[in-house]
C-alpha atoms as a PDB file:
ATOM      1  CA  MET A   1     -10.480 -99.924  78.066  1.00  0.00           C
ATOM      2  CA  ALA A   2     -13.803-100.040  75.998  1.00  0.00           C
ATOM      3  CA  ARG A   3     -14.624-102.852  73.810  1.00  0.00           C
ATOM      4  CA  PRO A   4     -14.067-101.719  70.252  1.00  0.00           C
ATOM      5  CA  GLU A   5     -17.654-101.933  68.184  1.00  0.00           C
ATOM      6  CA  LYS A   6     -18.032-104.983  65.865  1.00  0.00           C
ATOM      7  CA  ASN A   7     -19.023-104.394  62.773  1.00  0.00           C
ATOM      8  CA  THR A   8     -18.568-107.838  61.298  1.00  0.00           C
ATOM      9  CA  VAL A   9     -20.688-111.351  61.766  1.00  0.00           C
ATOM     10  CA  ASP A  10     -19.458-114.592  62.489  1.00  0.00           C
ATOM     11  CA  TYR A  11     -21.467-116.793  60.522  1.00  0.00           C
ATOM     12  CA  PHE A  12     -24.734-117.070  58.791  1.00  0.00           C
ATOM     13  CA  PRO A  13     -27.077-120.344  58.429  1.00  0.00           C
ATOM     14  CA  HIS A  14     -26.838-122.208  55.078  1.00  0.00           C
ATOM     15  CA  TYR A  15     -30.582-123.169  54.292  1.00  0.00           C
ATOM     16  CA  VAL A  16     -31.023-126.534  52.770  1.00  0.00           C
ATOM     17  CA  TYR A  17     -33.761-125.097  50.115  1.00  0.00           C
ATOM     18  CA  SER A  18     -32.177-122.680  48.056  1.00  0.00           C
ATOM     19  CA  GLY A  19     -33.989-119.592  46.433  1.00  0.00           C
ATOM     20  CA  LYS A  20     -34.316-118.606  42.579  1.00  0.00           C
ATOM     21  CA  THR A  21     -30.710-116.644  42.749  1.00  0.00           C
ATOM     22  CA  LEU A  22     -28.799-119.677  43.759  1.00  0.00           C
ATOM     23  CA  PHE A  23     -30.437-122.008  41.151  1.00  0.00           C
ATOM     24  CA  THR A  24     -29.911-119.647  38.352  1.00  0.00           C
ATOM     25  CA  VAL A  25     -25.831-118.844  39.011  1.00  0.00           C
ATOM     26  CA  GLU A  26     -25.847-122.502  39.348  1.00  0.00           C
ATOM     27  CA  GLN A  27     -27.075-123.597  36.546  1.00  0.00           C
ATOM     28  CA  ARG A  28     -25.213-120.840  34.468  1.00  0.00           C
ATOM     29  CA  PHE A  29     -22.077-121.260  35.554  1.00  0.00           C
ATOM     30  CA  GLY A  30     -21.939-124.952  37.615  1.00  0.00           C
ATOM     31  CA  ASN A  31     -20.006-125.460  41.127  1.00  0.00           C
ATOM     32  CA  ASP A  32     -17.996-122.351  40.283  1.00  0.00           C
ATOM     33  CA  GLY A  33     -20.915-120.084  40.482  1.00  0.00           C
ATOM     34  CA  TYR A  34     -22.220-121.605  43.560  1.00  0.00           C
ATOM     35  CA  ALA A  35     -18.880-121.238  45.185  1.00  0.00           C
ATOM     36  CA  PHE A  36     -18.013-117.850  44.185  1.00  0.00           C
ATOM     37  CA  LEU A  37     -21.502-116.468  45.549  1.00  0.00           C
ATOM     38  CA  PHE A  38     -21.216-117.891  48.896  1.00  0.00           C
ATOM     39  CA  LYS A  39     -17.501-117.330  49.281  1.00  0.00           C
ATOM     40  CA  ILE A  40     -18.549-113.717  48.667  1.00  0.00           C
ATOM     41  CA  LEU A  41     -21.107-113.868  51.387  1.00  0.00           C
ATOM     42  CA  GLU A  42     -18.614-115.229  53.740  1.00  0.00           C
ATOM     43  CA  VAL A  43     -15.963-112.344  52.864  1.00  0.00           C
ATOM     44  CA  LEU A  44     -19.016-109.883  52.899  1.00  0.00           C
ATOM     45  CA  GLY A  45     -19.843-111.155  56.866  1.00  0.00           C
ATOM     46  CA  LYS A  46     -16.166-110.797  57.956  1.00  0.00           C
ATOM     47  CA  THR A  47     -15.363-107.231  56.676  1.00  0.00           C
ATOM     48  CA  GLU A  48     -16.142-104.437  58.343  1.00  0.00           C
ATOM     49  CA  ASN A  49     -19.453-102.983  57.556  1.00  0.00           C
ATOM     50  CA  HIS A  50     -20.060-105.377  54.714  1.00  0.00           C
ATOM     51  CA  PHE A  51     -19.041-104.272  51.988  1.00  0.00           C
ATOM     52  CA  ILE A  52     -16.262-105.178  49.682  1.00  0.00           C
ATOM     53  CA  ASP A  53     -13.828-102.629  47.939  1.00  0.00           C
ATOM     54  CA  CYS A  54     -12.485-103.951  44.653  1.00  0.00           C
ATOM     55  CA  ARG A  55     -11.152-100.149  43.654  1.00  0.00           C
ATOM     56  CA  LYS A  56      -7.582-101.102  43.787  1.00  0.00           C
ATOM     57  CA  PRO A  57      -6.352-104.013  41.671  1.00  0.00           C
ATOM     58  CA  GLU A  58      -4.590-106.122  44.534  1.00  0.00           C
ATOM     59  CA  ASP A  59      -7.435-106.089  46.148  1.00  0.00           C
ATOM     60  CA  TYR A  60      -9.732-107.320  43.562  1.00  0.00           C
ATOM     61  CA  GLU A  61      -6.453-109.872  42.744  1.00  0.00           C
ATOM     62  CA  TYR A  62      -7.169-110.617  46.266  1.00  0.00           C
ATOM     63  CA  LEU A  63     -10.677-111.747  46.075  1.00  0.00           C
ATOM     64  CA  LEU A  64     -10.355-113.529  42.748  1.00  0.00           C
ATOM     65  CA  ALA A  65      -7.592-115.743  44.746  1.00  0.00           C
ATOM     66  CA  ILE A  66     -10.193-116.567  47.443  1.00  0.00           C
ATOM     67  CA  THR A  67     -12.829-117.116  44.919  1.00  0.00           C
ATOM     68  CA  LYS A  68     -10.769-119.424  42.892  1.00  0.00           C
ATOM     69  CA  VAL A  69     -12.393-118.164  39.532  1.00  0.00           C
ATOM     70  CA  SER A  70     -10.588-116.372  36.540  1.00  0.00           C
ATOM     71  CA  ARG A  71     -11.284-112.622  36.152  1.00  0.00           C
ATOM     72  CA  ASP A  72     -13.539-112.974  33.202  1.00  0.00           C
ATOM     73  CA  LYS A  73     -15.956-115.626  34.773  1.00  0.00           C
ATOM     74  CA  ALA A  74     -15.964-113.176  37.972  1.00  0.00           C
ATOM     75  CA  GLU A  75     -17.091-110.842  35.912  1.00  0.00           C
ATOM     76  CA  GLU A  76     -19.691-112.724  34.210  1.00  0.00           C
ATOM     77  CA  ILE A  77     -21.037-114.007  37.380  1.00  0.00           C
ATOM     78  CA  MET A  78     -21.190-110.636  39.047  1.00  0.00           C
ATOM     79  CA  ALA A  79     -22.741-109.105  36.166  1.00  0.00           C
ATOM     80  CA  LEU A  80     -25.853-112.177  36.661  1.00  0.00           C
ATOM     81  CA  LEU A  81     -25.983-111.209  40.165  1.00  0.00           C
ATOM     82  CA  THR A  82     -26.316-107.603  40.190  1.00  0.00           C
ATOM     83  CA  THR A  83     -29.096-108.000  37.050  1.00  0.00           C
ATOM     84  CA  LEU A  84     -30.593-110.548  39.787  1.00  0.00           C
ATOM     85  CA  GLY A  85     -30.662-107.994  42.574  1.00  0.00           C
ATOM     86  CA  THR A  86     -28.219-110.250  44.675  1.00  0.00           C
ATOM     87  CA  PHE A  87     -25.317-107.354  44.827  1.00  0.00           C
ATOM     88  CA  ASP A  88     -26.146-103.318  44.121  1.00  0.00           C
ATOM     89  CA  ALA A  89     -25.897-102.788  40.543  1.00  0.00           C
ATOM     90  CA  ASP A  90     -25.351 -99.266  41.123  1.00  0.00           C
ATOM     91  CA  LEU A  91     -22.511 -99.717  43.467  1.00  0.00           C
ATOM     92  CA  TRP A  92     -20.709-102.404  41.245  1.00  0.00           C
ATOM     93  CA  LYS A  93     -20.125 -99.981  38.760  1.00  0.00           C
ATOM     94  CA  HIS A  94     -17.824 -98.330  40.785  1.00  0.00           C
ATOM     95  CA  ARG A  95     -16.395-101.812  41.619  1.00  0.00           C
ATOM     96  CA  ILE A  96     -18.123-101.856  45.003  1.00  0.00           C
ATOM     97  CA  ILE A  97     -19.711-105.124  46.344  1.00  0.00           C
ATOM     98  CA  TYR A  98     -22.607-104.512  48.531  1.00  0.00           C
ATOM     99  CA  SER A  99     -25.872-106.365  49.052  1.00  0.00           C
ATOM    100  CA  ASP A 100     -28.826-104.422  50.567  1.00  0.00           C
ATOM    101  CA  ASN A 101     -30.622-107.796  51.017  1.00  0.00           C
ATOM    102  CA  PHE A 102     -27.608-109.049  53.348  1.00  0.00           C
ATOM    103  CA  ILE A 103     -27.579-105.823  55.228  1.00  0.00           C
ATOM    104  CA  LYS A 104     -31.470-106.435  55.955  1.00  0.00           C
ATOM    105  CA  ASN A 105     -30.720-109.971  57.521  1.00  0.00           C
ATOM    106  CA  LEU A 106     -28.478-108.391  59.812  1.00  0.00           C
ATOM    107  CA  GLU A 107     -30.773-105.979  61.472  1.00  0.00           C
ATOM    108  CA  GLY A 108     -31.482-108.345  64.051  1.00  0.00           C
ATOM    109  CA  VAL A 109     -27.778-108.660  64.951  1.00  0.00           C
ATOM    110  CA  TYR A 110     -27.214-104.568  64.924  1.00  0.00           C
ATOM    111  CA  GLU A 111     -30.197-104.118  66.976  1.00  0.00           C
ATOM    112  CA  ARG A 112     -28.678-106.156  69.899  1.00  0.00           C
ATOM    113  CA  ARG A 113     -25.913-103.909  69.337  1.00  0.00           C
ATOM    114  CA  LYS A 114     -27.516-101.193  69.695  1.00  0.00           C
ATOM    115  CA  ARG A 115     -26.343 -99.893  66.549  1.00  0.00           C
ATOM    116  CA  LYS A 116     -27.898 -99.226  62.752  1.00  0.00           C
ATOM    117  CA  THR A 117     -26.211-101.124  59.720  1.00  0.00           C
ATOM    118  CA  LEU A 118     -24.274 -98.990  57.140  1.00  0.00           C
ATOM    119  CA  THR A 119     -26.953 -97.949  54.769  1.00  0.00           C
ATOM    120  CA  LYS A 120     -26.167 -97.514  50.886  1.00  0.00           C
ATOM    121  CA  GLN A 121     -26.609 -93.693  51.162  1.00  0.00           C
ATOM    122  CA  ASP A 122     -23.812 -93.994  54.155  1.00  0.00           C
ATOM    123  CA  LEU A 123     -21.624 -96.014  52.239  1.00  0.00           C
ATOM    124  CA  CYS A 124     -21.624 -93.700  49.462  1.00  0.00           C
ATOM    125  CA  LYS A 125     -20.864 -90.711  51.490  1.00  0.00           C
ATOM    126  CA  GLN A 126     -17.976 -92.452  53.075  1.00  0.00           C
ATOM    127  CA  LEU A 127     -16.542 -93.650  49.722  1.00  0.00           C
ATOM    128  CA  SER A 128     -17.018 -90.503  48.238  1.00  0.00           C
ATOM    129  CA  ILE A 129     -18.912 -91.924  45.479  1.00  0.00           C
ATOM    130  CA  LYS A 130     -22.177 -90.532  43.441  1.00  0.00           C
ATOM    131  CA  CYS A 131     -24.881 -93.178  44.005  1.00  0.00           C
ATOM    132  CA  LYS A 132     -28.389 -93.022  42.501  1.00  0.00           C
ATOM    133  CA  GLN A 133     -31.293 -92.120  45.307  1.00  0.00           C
ATOM    134  CA  LYS A 134     -33.041 -94.549  46.616  1.00  0.00           C
ATOM    135  CA  PRO A 135     -36.279 -94.791  44.999  1.00  0.00           C
ATOM    136  CA  ALA A 136     -39.684 -93.374  47.070  1.00  0.00           C
ATOM    137  CA  SER A 137     -41.521 -96.118  48.440  1.00  0.00           C
ATOM    138  CA  ARG A 138     -44.824 -97.020  47.096  1.00  0.00           C
ATOM    139  CA  SER A 139     -47.494 -94.860  48.218  1.00  0.00           C
ATOM    140  CA  LEU A 140     -50.976 -96.284  49.078  1.00  0.00           C
ATOM    141  CA  PRO A 141     -53.891 -95.659  47.135  1.00  0.00           C
ATOM    142  CA  SER A 142     -54.849 -92.250  46.854  1.00  0.00           C
ATOM    143  CA  ALA A 143     -51.751 -90.938  47.944  1.00  0.00           C
ATOM    144  CA  GLU A 144     -52.488 -91.154  51.609  1.00  0.00           C
ATOM    145  CA  THR A 145     -50.352 -91.829  54.451  1.00  0.00           C
ATOM    146  CA  PRO A 146     -50.845 -94.990  57.030  1.00  0.00           C
ATOM    147  CA  GLN A 147     -51.185 -92.152  59.598  1.00  0.00           C
ATOM    148  CA  SER A 148     -53.720 -89.987  57.764  1.00  0.00           C
ATOM    149  CA  LYS A 149     -55.939 -93.070  56.963  1.00  0.00           C
ATOM    150  CA  VAL A 150     -55.799 -94.481  60.812  1.00  0.00           C
ATOM    151  CA  LYS A 151     -56.683 -90.415  61.740  1.00  0.00           C
ATOM    152  CA  GLU A 152     -59.326 -90.629  59.164  1.00  0.00           C
ATOM    153  CA  SER A 153     -60.800 -93.757  60.662  1.00  0.00           C
ATOM    154  CA  LYS A 154     -60.634 -92.707  64.287  1.00  0.00           C
ATOM    155  CA  GLU A 155     -62.671 -89.542  63.254  1.00  0.00           C
ATOM    156  CA  LYS A 156     -65.277 -91.721  61.791  1.00  0.00           C
ATOM    157  CA  LYS A 157     -65.632 -94.118  64.448  1.00  0.00           C
ATOM    158  CA  SER A 158     -65.877 -90.825  67.008  1.00  0.00           C
ATOM    159  CA  GLU A 159     -69.113 -90.167  64.581  1.00  0.00           C
ATOM    160  CA  GLY A 160     -70.197 -94.085  65.562  1.00  0.00           C
ATOM    161  CA  GLU A 161     -68.837 -96.291  62.790  1.00  0.00           C
ATOM    162  CA  LYS A 162     -67.677 -99.157  63.811  1.00  0.00           C
ATOM    163  CA  SER A 163     -64.059-100.286  62.381  1.00  0.00           C
ATOM    164  CA  ILE A 164     -61.469-102.996  62.449  1.00  0.00           C
ATOM    165  CA  GLY A 165     -60.831-104.061  66.155  1.00  0.00           C
ATOM    166  CA  ASP A 166     -64.365-103.342  66.983  1.00  0.00           C
ATOM    167  CA  SER A 167     -66.508-106.478  68.248  1.00  0.00           C
ATOM    168  CA  ASP A 168     -69.955-105.987  68.949  1.00  0.00           C
ATOM    169  CA  GLY A 169     -69.946-102.129  69.473  1.00  0.00           C
ATOM    170  CA  ILE A 170     -66.966-102.612  72.167  1.00  0.00           C
ATOM    171  CA  SER A 171     -64.400 -99.821  70.921  1.00  0.00           C
ATOM    172  CA  ASP A 172     -60.595-101.031  71.089  1.00  0.00           C
ATOM    173  CA  GLU A 173     -57.718 -98.881  69.708  1.00  0.00           C
ATOM    174  CA  ILE A 174     -57.484 -99.248  66.010  1.00  0.00           C
ATOM    175  CA  PRO A 175     -54.907-100.780  64.746  1.00  0.00           C
ATOM    176  CA  PRO A 176     -52.652 -99.076  61.945  1.00  0.00           C
ATOM    177  CA  SER A 177     -54.343-101.259  59.178  1.00  0.00           C
ATOM    178  CA  GLN A 178     -52.863 -99.184  56.306  1.00  0.00           C
ATOM    179  CA  GLU A 179     -49.471 -99.236  57.432  1.00  0.00           C
ATOM    180  CA  ALA A 180     -49.694-103.029  57.782  1.00  0.00           C
ATOM    181  CA  ARG A 181     -51.637-103.237  54.377  1.00  0.00           C
ATOM    182  CA  GLY A 182     -48.883-101.406  52.612  1.00  0.00           C
ATOM    183  CA  TYR A 183     -46.030-103.272  54.136  1.00  0.00           C
ATOM    184  CA  PHE A 184     -47.760-106.615  53.091  1.00  0.00           C
ATOM    185  CA  GLU A 185     -48.268-105.425  49.316  1.00  0.00           C
ATOM    186  CA  LYS A 186     -44.528-104.361  49.068  1.00  0.00           C
ATOM    187  CA  ILE A 187     -43.096-107.182  50.564  1.00  0.00           C
ATOM    188  CA  LEU A 188     -44.700-109.677  48.402  1.00  0.00           C
ATOM    189  CA  GLY A 189     -44.410-107.733  45.183  1.00  0.00           C
ATOM    190  CA  MET A 190     -40.471-107.789  45.680  1.00  0.00           C
ATOM    191  CA  ASN A 191     -40.289-111.643  44.556  1.00  0.00           C
ATOM    192  CA  LEU A 192     -37.856-112.528  47.351  1.00  0.00           C
ATOM    193  CA  PRO A 193     -36.972-115.947  47.527  1.00  0.00           C
ATOM    194  CA  GLU A 194     -38.875-118.562  49.370  1.00  0.00           C
ATOM    195  CA  GLY A 195     -36.865-118.708  52.649  1.00  0.00           C
ATOM    196  CA  ASP A 196     -36.779-115.014  53.247  1.00  0.00           C
ATOM    197  CA  MET A 197     -37.831-114.295  56.382  1.00  0.00           C
ATOM    198  CA  GLU A 198     -39.976-111.097  55.443  1.00  0.00           C
ATOM    199  CA  ARG A 199     -41.551-113.012  52.558  1.00  0.00           C
ATOM    200  CA  GLN A 200     -42.693-116.018  55.016  1.00  0.00           C
ATOM    201  CA  PHE A 201     -43.871-113.630  57.599  1.00  0.00           C
ATOM    202  CA  ALA A 202     -45.956-111.553  54.970  1.00  0.00           C
ATOM    203  CA  GLU A 203     -47.376-114.951  53.390  1.00  0.00           C
ATOM    204  CA  TYR A 204     -48.008-115.961  56.858  1.00  0.00           C
ATOM    205  CA  TRP A 205     -50.384-113.177  57.884  1.00  0.00           C
ATOM    206  CA  THR A 206     -52.055-112.711  54.530  1.00  0.00           C
ATOM    207  CA  GLU A 207     -53.060-116.081  54.428  1.00  0.00           C
ATOM    208  CA  LYS A 208     -57.098-115.893  53.822  1.00  0.00           C
ATOM    209  CA  ASN A 209     -59.891-117.481  55.872  1.00  0.00           C
ATOM    210  CA  LYS A 210     -62.197-120.115  54.831  1.00  0.00           C
ATOM    211  CA  ASN A 211     -64.789-117.304  53.460  1.00  0.00           C
ATOM    212  CA  GLY A 212     -61.926-115.709  51.467  1.00  0.00           C
ATOM    213  CA  ASN A 213     -62.772-112.206  52.374  1.00  0.00           C
ATOM    214  CA  LYS A 214     -60.136-111.558  55.055  1.00  0.00           C
ATOM    215  CA  GLN A 215     -56.583-112.199  55.881  1.00  0.00           C
ATOM    216  CA  ARG A 216     -55.205-113.209  58.912  1.00  0.00           C
ATOM    217  CA  TRP A 217     -54.096-110.307  60.185  1.00  0.00           C
ATOM    218  CA  GLU A 218     -57.410-108.687  59.671  1.00  0.00           C
ATOM    219  CA  LEU A 219     -58.981-110.975  62.237  1.00  0.00           C
ATOM    220  CA  GLU A 220     -56.651-109.620  65.022  1.00  0.00           C
ATOM    221  CA  LYS A 221     -57.952-107.383  67.299  1.00  0.00           C
ATOM    222  CA  THR A 222     -54.831-105.172  66.951  1.00  0.00           C
ATOM    223  CA  PHE A 223     -52.070-105.605  64.373  1.00  0.00           C
ATOM    224  CA  GLU A 224     -48.801-103.304  64.523  1.00  0.00           C
ATOM    225  CA  VAL A 225     -46.869-104.708  61.589  1.00  0.00           C
ATOM    226  CA  LYS A 226     -43.365-103.413  63.362  1.00  0.00           C
ATOM    227  CA  LYS A 227     -44.058-105.134  66.689  1.00  0.00           C
ATOM    228  CA  ARG A 228     -45.237-108.376  65.051  1.00  0.00           C
ATOM    229  CA  LEU A 229     -42.263-108.112  62.549  1.00  0.00           C
ATOM    230  CA  ALA A 230     -39.776-107.803  65.425  1.00  0.00           C
ATOM    231  CA  THR A 231     -41.502-110.831  67.352  1.00  0.00           C
ATOM    232  CA  TRP A 232     -41.261-112.955  64.145  1.00  0.00           C
ATOM    233  CA  ARG A 233     -37.553-111.898  63.975  1.00  0.00           C
ATOM    234  CA  ARG A 234     -36.671-112.539  67.467  1.00  0.00           C
ATOM    235  CA  LYS A 235     -38.283-116.281  67.350  1.00  0.00           C
ATOM    236  CA  THR A 236     -36.799-116.927  64.111  1.00  0.00           C
ATOM    237  CA  GLU A 237     -33.549-116.153  65.607  1.00  0.00           C
ATOM    238  CA  GLU A 238     -33.935-118.094  68.501  1.00  0.00           C
ATOM    239  CA  TYR A 239     -34.750-121.236  66.128  1.00  0.00           C
ATOM    240  CA  ASN A 240     -31.636-120.430  64.191  1.00  0.00           C
ATOM    241  CA  SER A 241     -29.851-120.291  67.214  1.00  0.00           C
ATOM    242  CA  LYS A 242     -30.971-123.454  68.626  1.00  0.00           C
ATOM    243  CA  PHE A 243     -30.516-125.711  65.372  1.00  0.00           C
ATOM    244  CA  TYR A 244     -27.651-123.621  63.593  1.00  0.00           C
ATOM    245  CA  GLY A 245     -25.735-122.470  66.631  1.00  0.00           C
ATOM    246  CA  LYS A 246     -24.793-125.569  68.306  1.00  0.00           C
ATOM    247  CA  ASN A 247     -21.904-126.150  66.008  1.00  0.00           C
ATOM    248  CA  GLN A 248     -20.730-123.138  67.611  1.00  0.00           C
ATOM    249  CA  ARG A 249     -20.546-124.005  71.251  1.00  0.00           C
ATOM    250  CA  ASP A 250     -16.916-124.983  71.251  1.00  0.00           C
ATOM    251  CA  ASN A 251     -15.808-121.526  70.887  1.00  0.00           C
ATOM    252  CA  HIS A 252     -17.615-120.474  74.150  1.00  0.00           C
ATOM    253  CA  ARG A 253     -16.391-121.202  77.526  1.00  0.00           C
ATOM    254  CA  ASP A 254     -19.391-121.789  78.916  1.00  0.00           C
ATOM    255  CA  GLY A 255     -20.886-124.076  76.525  1.00  0.00           C
ATOM    256  CA  GLN A 256     -23.606-121.002  75.686  1.00  0.00           C
ATOM    257  CA  VAL A 257     -24.475-120.388  71.972  1.00  0.00           C
ATOM    258  CA  SER A 258     -23.938-116.739  71.141  1.00  0.00           C
ATOM    259  CA  THR A 259     -26.152-115.377  68.525  1.00  0.00           C
ATOM    260  CA  GLU A 260     -24.072-112.386  68.340  1.00  0.00           C
ATOM    261  CA  GLY A 261     -22.632-112.863  64.858  1.00  0.00           C
ATOM    262  CA  HIS A 262     -26.158-114.770  63.506  1.00  0.00           C
ATOM    263  CA  ALA A 263     -27.472-113.278  60.584  1.00  0.00           C
ATOM    264  CA  ASP A 264     -30.364-114.939  58.624  1.00  0.00           C
ATOM    265  CA  LEU A 265     -29.215-114.826  55.040  1.00  0.00           C
ATOM    266  CA  VAL A 266     -31.237-116.607  52.330  1.00  0.00           C
ATOM    267  CA  VAL A 267     -30.236-116.263  48.662  1.00  0.00           C
END
């Protein structure tokens, strides 16, 4: 008999340095806000496909019982958290709690499971809810795609021009520089919390050299942002597994730490 597919996670690390979201909600609502947020995240983690359906009164009452806050206070906290972007404001209008940031932080888990996470559009379709379309990603200057820019660079290189990746006239494969630049601009413009993995990745690779005229990634002979990010995510998970996963050892007979249910969530 085939093992059923798992669409939940067992735990996520609780970092000692909190982001703006946690600071803001705690300042406004004290320990009630702090506890409410993390209990919601715990429920999201163990709920199938990581969304909470509050459309039925009995289900919402159960959630209030878990978070131990009044209905009025829960509504106020959710209003703040949707304003801050922690939970999706569009879906909350339909009484659905969903966090795109939570889902993104689970990508490594589901990559190991060889499956994709449920997107907002998938969720809307599944629940027969009319949702706002995802806004188009920021286009690069002059409305050109990374692929077209790389193609143009290759054409120029064939005419004898030196491009990024050349060293003393030795021709190397041109990296998708425009794709990397567009990605870093997008991530650094999103005002992500300090502990966010992609923000840390972007800040590391965009650090400028001593002369201040090049960023760290531009000094690499080749730089494929997707592959670099995958490596960064893997190393982050290995680190977190080592330092956060040790408490899970008693749950496994062979004494090995499982990272199957691991999510690098930062709020």
